Amino acid sequence: MSEASAPAGLPAPAAWVVFRGDAPLWWLRALRPGFRHCLALLNDGRHWVVVDPLAPFTDVAVLDLPASHDVPGWYRDLGLIVVAAPVRRGLTRPAPWGPFTCVEAVKRLLGLHAPLVLTPWQLHRHLTRPDSSV
């Protein structure tokens, strides 16, 4: 099985990363404005799933919307930055160690092994590089 394929012959879900600029926790204000938090949107062709790794807990929601609904567009309409992201499945090496943050949680969802990507801004830059393939 290749690194980009999904288990059991299922297609990998489509994914987007949403970047937020609000900073309810004082230490997040040290991060780049507009890039103080990130969350993931997944679409498996049947469902939309939102995974929002917050400081006190991780919120996972399966949205009661058709899979064809433009959830990334809805977040963009709210003024947030949304970036499409490839999803890698079938990996065999463990992900590199990293502090458990919203960025690390999103990287694990995507199968992104990038140990130097630690902040939402770095994740955005990594995902939007012309040569980025996760």
C-alpha atoms as a PDB file:
ATOM      1  CA  MET A   1       0.000   0.000   0.000  1.00  0.00           C
ATOM      2  CA  SER A   2       1.417   3.408  -0.869  1.00  0.00           C
ATOM      3  CA  GLU A   3       1.796   6.134   1.745  1.00  0.00           C
ATOM      4  CA  ALA A   4      -0.944   8.225   0.114  1.00  0.00           C
ATOM      5  CA  SER A   5      -3.558   5.490  -0.005  1.00  0.00           C
ATOM      6  CA  ALA A   6      -6.300   4.789   2.500  1.00  0.00           C
ATOM      7  CA  PRO A   7      -6.760   1.503   4.346  1.00  0.00           C
ATOM      8  CA  ALA A   8      -8.932  -1.273   2.901  1.00  0.00           C
ATOM      9  CA  GLY A   9      -9.131   0.370  -0.522  1.00  0.00           C
ATOM     10  CA  LEU A  10     -11.179   3.320   0.726  1.00  0.00           C
ATOM     11  CA  PRO A  11     -10.313   6.721  -0.729  1.00  0.00           C
ATOM     12  CA  ALA A  12      -8.559   9.112   1.629  1.00  0.00           C
ATOM     13  CA  PRO A  13     -10.930  11.780   2.912  1.00  0.00           C
ATOM     14  CA  ALA A  14     -10.693  15.293   1.557  1.00  0.00           C
ATOM     15  CA  ALA A  15      -9.333  17.676   4.175  1.00  0.00           C
ATOM     16  CA  TRP A  16      -9.055  21.380   4.828  1.00  0.00           C
ATOM     17  CA  VAL A  17      -7.327  23.264   7.614  1.00  0.00           C
ATOM     18  CA  VAL A  18      -9.035  26.340   9.045  1.00  0.00           C
ATOM     19  CA  PHE A  19      -6.878  29.023  10.650  1.00  0.00           C
ATOM     20  CA  ARG A  20      -8.292  31.363  13.274  1.00  0.00           C
ATOM     21  CA  GLY A  21      -6.927  34.552  14.751  1.00  0.00           C
ATOM     22  CA  ASP A  22      -8.834  34.855  18.006  1.00  0.00           C
ATOM     23  CA  ALA A  23      -6.804  34.281  21.147  1.00  0.00           C
ATOM     24  CA  PRO A  24      -8.916  33.502  24.214  1.00  0.00           C
ATOM     25  CA  LEU A  25      -5.811  32.225  26.018  1.00  0.00           C
ATOM     26  CA  TRP A  26      -3.246  34.899  26.815  1.00  0.00           C
ATOM     27  CA  TRP A  27      -0.240  32.862  25.633  1.00  0.00           C
ATOM     28  CA  LEU A  28      -1.734  32.530  22.134  1.00  0.00           C
ATOM     29  CA  ARG A  29      -1.350  36.274  21.636  1.00  0.00           C
ATOM     30  CA  ALA A  30       2.370  35.672  21.057  1.00  0.00           C
ATOM     31  CA  LEU A  31       1.482  33.864  17.806  1.00  0.00           C
ATOM     32  CA  ARG A  32       1.050  35.581  14.445  1.00  0.00           C
ATOM     33  CA  PRO A  33      -2.283  37.458  14.171  1.00  0.00           C
ATOM     34  CA  GLY A  34      -4.737  35.467  12.069  1.00  0.00           C
ATOM     35  CA  PHE A  35      -2.851  32.245  12.823  1.00  0.00           C
ATOM     36  CA  ARG A  36      -3.356  31.545  16.527  1.00  0.00           C
ATOM     37  CA  HIS A  37      -5.398  28.368  16.228  1.00  0.00           C
ATOM     38  CA  CYS A  38      -6.198  25.731  13.633  1.00  0.00           C
ATOM     39  CA  LEU A  39      -8.794  23.031  13.185  1.00  0.00           C
ATOM     40  CA  ALA A  40      -9.499  20.394  10.542  1.00  0.00           C
ATOM     41  CA  LEU A  41     -12.428  19.692   8.251  1.00  0.00           C
ATOM     42  CA  LEU A  42     -12.761  16.206   6.783  1.00  0.00           C
ATOM     43  CA  ASN A  43     -15.158  14.987   4.108  1.00  0.00           C
ATOM     44  CA  ASP A  44     -15.285  11.267   3.361  1.00  0.00           C
ATOM     45  CA  GLY A  45     -17.847  11.631   0.573  1.00  0.00           C
ATOM     46  CA  ARG A  46     -20.752  10.992   2.941  1.00  0.00           C
ATOM     47  CA  HIS A  47     -20.099  13.121   6.026  1.00  0.00           C
ATOM     48  CA  TRP A  48     -18.477  16.336   7.143  1.00  0.00           C
ATOM     49  CA  VAL A  49     -16.403  16.007  10.306  1.00  0.00           C
ATOM     50  CA  VAL A  50     -14.939  18.957  12.200  1.00  0.00           C
ATOM     51  CA  VAL A  51     -12.013  18.237  14.535  1.00  0.00           C
ATOM     52  CA  ASP A  52     -11.219  21.225  16.726  1.00  0.00           C
ATOM     53  CA  PRO A  53      -8.335  20.550  19.149  1.00  0.00           C
ATOM     54  CA  LEU A  54      -8.920  23.022  21.967  1.00  0.00           C
ATOM     55  CA  ALA A  55      -6.821  23.502  25.111  1.00  0.00           C
ATOM     56  CA  PRO A  56      -9.254  21.795  27.542  1.00  0.00           C
ATOM     57  CA  PHE A  57     -10.572  19.112  25.130  1.00  0.00           C
ATOM     58  CA  THR A  58     -10.824  18.134  21.473  1.00  0.00           C
ATOM     59  CA  ASP A  59     -14.225  18.815  19.940  1.00  0.00           C
ATOM     60  CA  VAL A  60     -15.239  16.349  17.228  1.00  0.00           C
ATOM     61  CA  ALA A  61     -18.499  16.979  15.395  1.00  0.00           C
ATOM     62  CA  VAL A  62     -20.167  15.107  12.558  1.00  0.00           C
ATOM     63  CA  LEU A  63     -22.230  17.780  10.843  1.00  0.00           C
ATOM     64  CA  ASP A  64     -25.818  17.101   9.828  1.00  0.00           C
ATOM     65  CA  LEU A  65     -25.195  18.418   6.320  1.00  0.00           C
ATOM     66  CA  PRO A  66     -24.989  16.773   2.922  1.00  0.00           C
ATOM     67  CA  ALA A  67     -21.429  15.911   1.872  1.00  0.00           C
ATOM     68  CA  SER A  68     -21.883  18.284  -1.082  1.00  0.00           C
ATOM     69  CA  HIS A  69     -22.360  21.290   1.243  1.00  0.00           C
ATOM     70  CA  ASP A  70     -19.526  23.837   0.983  1.00  0.00           C
ATOM     71  CA  VAL A  71     -18.322  23.812   4.593  1.00  0.00           C
ATOM     72  CA  PRO A  72     -14.879  25.262   3.712  1.00  0.00           C
ATOM     73  CA  GLY A  73     -16.675  28.113   1.903  1.00  0.00           C
ATOM     74  CA  TRP A  74     -18.817  28.765   4.973  1.00  0.00           C
ATOM     75  CA  TYR A  75     -15.671  29.202   7.088  1.00  0.00           C
ATOM     76  CA  ARG A  76     -14.181  31.480   4.409  1.00  0.00           C
ATOM     77  CA  ASP A  77     -17.384  33.550   4.451  1.00  0.00           C
ATOM     78  CA  LEU A  78     -16.792  34.017   8.191  1.00  0.00           C
ATOM     79  CA  GLY A  79     -13.467  35.634   7.300  1.00  0.00           C
ATOM     80  CA  LEU A  80     -11.269  32.690   8.259  1.00  0.00           C
ATOM     81  CA  ILE A  81      -8.383  31.323   6.211  1.00  0.00           C
ATOM     82  CA  VAL A  82      -9.065  27.855   4.809  1.00  0.00           C
ATOM     83  CA  VAL A  83      -6.468  25.727   3.008  1.00  0.00           C
ATOM     84  CA  ALA A  84      -7.016  22.384   1.279  1.00  0.00           C
ATOM     85  CA  ALA A  85      -4.664  19.740   2.639  1.00  0.00           C
ATOM     86  CA  PRO A  86      -3.659  16.313   1.369  1.00  0.00           C
ATOM     87  CA  VAL A  87      -4.293  13.327   3.631  1.00  0.00           C
ATOM     88  CA  ARG A  88      -1.751  10.525   3.888  1.00  0.00           C
ATOM     89  CA  ARG A  89      -2.881   7.087   5.028  1.00  0.00           C
ATOM     90  CA  GLY A  90      -1.042   3.791   5.157  1.00  0.00           C
ATOM     91  CA  LEU A  91       2.034   5.259   6.841  1.00  0.00           C
ATOM     92  CA  THR A  92       4.205   2.773   8.706  1.00  0.00           C
ATOM     93  CA  ARG A  93       6.677   5.021  10.558  1.00  0.00           C
ATOM     94  CA  PRO A  94       5.500   6.730  13.747  1.00  0.00           C
ATOM     95  CA  ALA A  95       5.033  10.472  13.566  1.00  0.00           C
ATOM     96  CA  PRO A  96       7.886  12.436  15.116  1.00  0.00           C
ATOM     97  CA  TRP A  97       7.400  13.538  18.691  1.00  0.00           C
ATOM     98  CA  GLY A  98       5.931  17.000  19.196  1.00  0.00           C
ATOM     99  CA  PRO A  99       4.127  18.953  21.907  1.00  0.00           C
ATOM    100  CA  PHE A 100       0.399  18.283  21.816  1.00  0.00           C
ATOM    101  CA  THR A 101      -1.065  21.458  20.341  1.00  0.00           C
ATOM    102  CA  CYS A 102      -3.753  22.203  17.784  1.00  0.00           C
ATOM    103  CA  VAL A 103      -1.032  22.071  15.111  1.00  0.00           C
ATOM    104  CA  GLU A 104       0.205  18.652  16.224  1.00  0.00           C
ATOM    105  CA  ALA A 105      -3.346  17.283  16.341  1.00  0.00           C
ATOM    106  CA  VAL A 106      -4.061  18.532  12.801  1.00  0.00           C
ATOM    107  CA  LYS A 107      -0.719  17.187  11.531  1.00  0.00           C
ATOM    108  CA  ARG A 108      -1.609  13.741  12.936  1.00  0.00           C
ATOM    109  CA  LEU A 109      -5.016  13.831  11.225  1.00  0.00           C
ATOM    110  CA  LEU A 110      -3.346  14.645   7.918  1.00  0.00           C
ATOM    111  CA  GLY A 111      -0.470  12.194   8.325  1.00  0.00           C
ATOM    112  CA  LEU A 112       1.954  15.095   8.096  1.00  0.00           C
ATOM    113  CA  HIS A 113       5.419  14.264   9.460  1.00  0.00           C
ATOM    114  CA  ALA A 114       7.002  17.719   9.645  1.00  0.00           C
ATOM    115  CA  PRO A 115       8.782  18.072  13.015  1.00  0.00           C
ATOM    116  CA  LEU A 116       9.740  21.716  12.469  1.00  0.00           C
ATOM    117  CA  VAL A 117       6.129  22.792  11.846  1.00  0.00           C
ATOM    118  CA  LEU A 118       5.047  23.942  15.318  1.00  0.00           C
ATOM    119  CA  THR A 119       2.763  26.980  14.900  1.00  0.00           C
ATOM    120  CA  PRO A 120      -0.394  27.572  12.863  1.00  0.00           C
ATOM    121  CA  TRP A 121       1.519  30.048  10.671  1.00  0.00           C
ATOM    122  CA  GLN A 122       4.222  27.444   9.948  1.00  0.00           C
ATOM    123  CA  LEU A 123       1.531  24.890   9.116  1.00  0.00           C
ATOM    124  CA  HIS A 124      -0.133  27.362   6.741  1.00  0.00           C
ATOM    125  CA  ARG A 125       3.193  28.076   5.029  1.00  0.00           C
ATOM    126  CA  HIS A 126       3.941  24.357   4.748  1.00  0.00           C
ATOM    127  CA  LEU A 127       0.546  23.550   3.214  1.00  0.00           C
ATOM    128  CA  THR A 128       0.648  26.457   0.751  1.00  0.00           C
ATOM    129  CA  ARG A 129       4.196  25.889  -0.526  1.00  0.00           C
ATOM    130  CA  PRO A 130       4.125  25.225  -4.274  1.00  0.00           C
ATOM    131  CA  ASP A 131       6.022  21.941  -3.770  1.00  0.00           C
ATOM    132  CA  SER A 132       3.999  20.813  -0.719  1.00  0.00           C
ATOM    133  CA  SER A 133       2.741  17.244  -0.869  1.00  0.00           C
ATOM    134  CA  VAL A 134       2.494  16.855   2.916  1.00  0.00           C
END
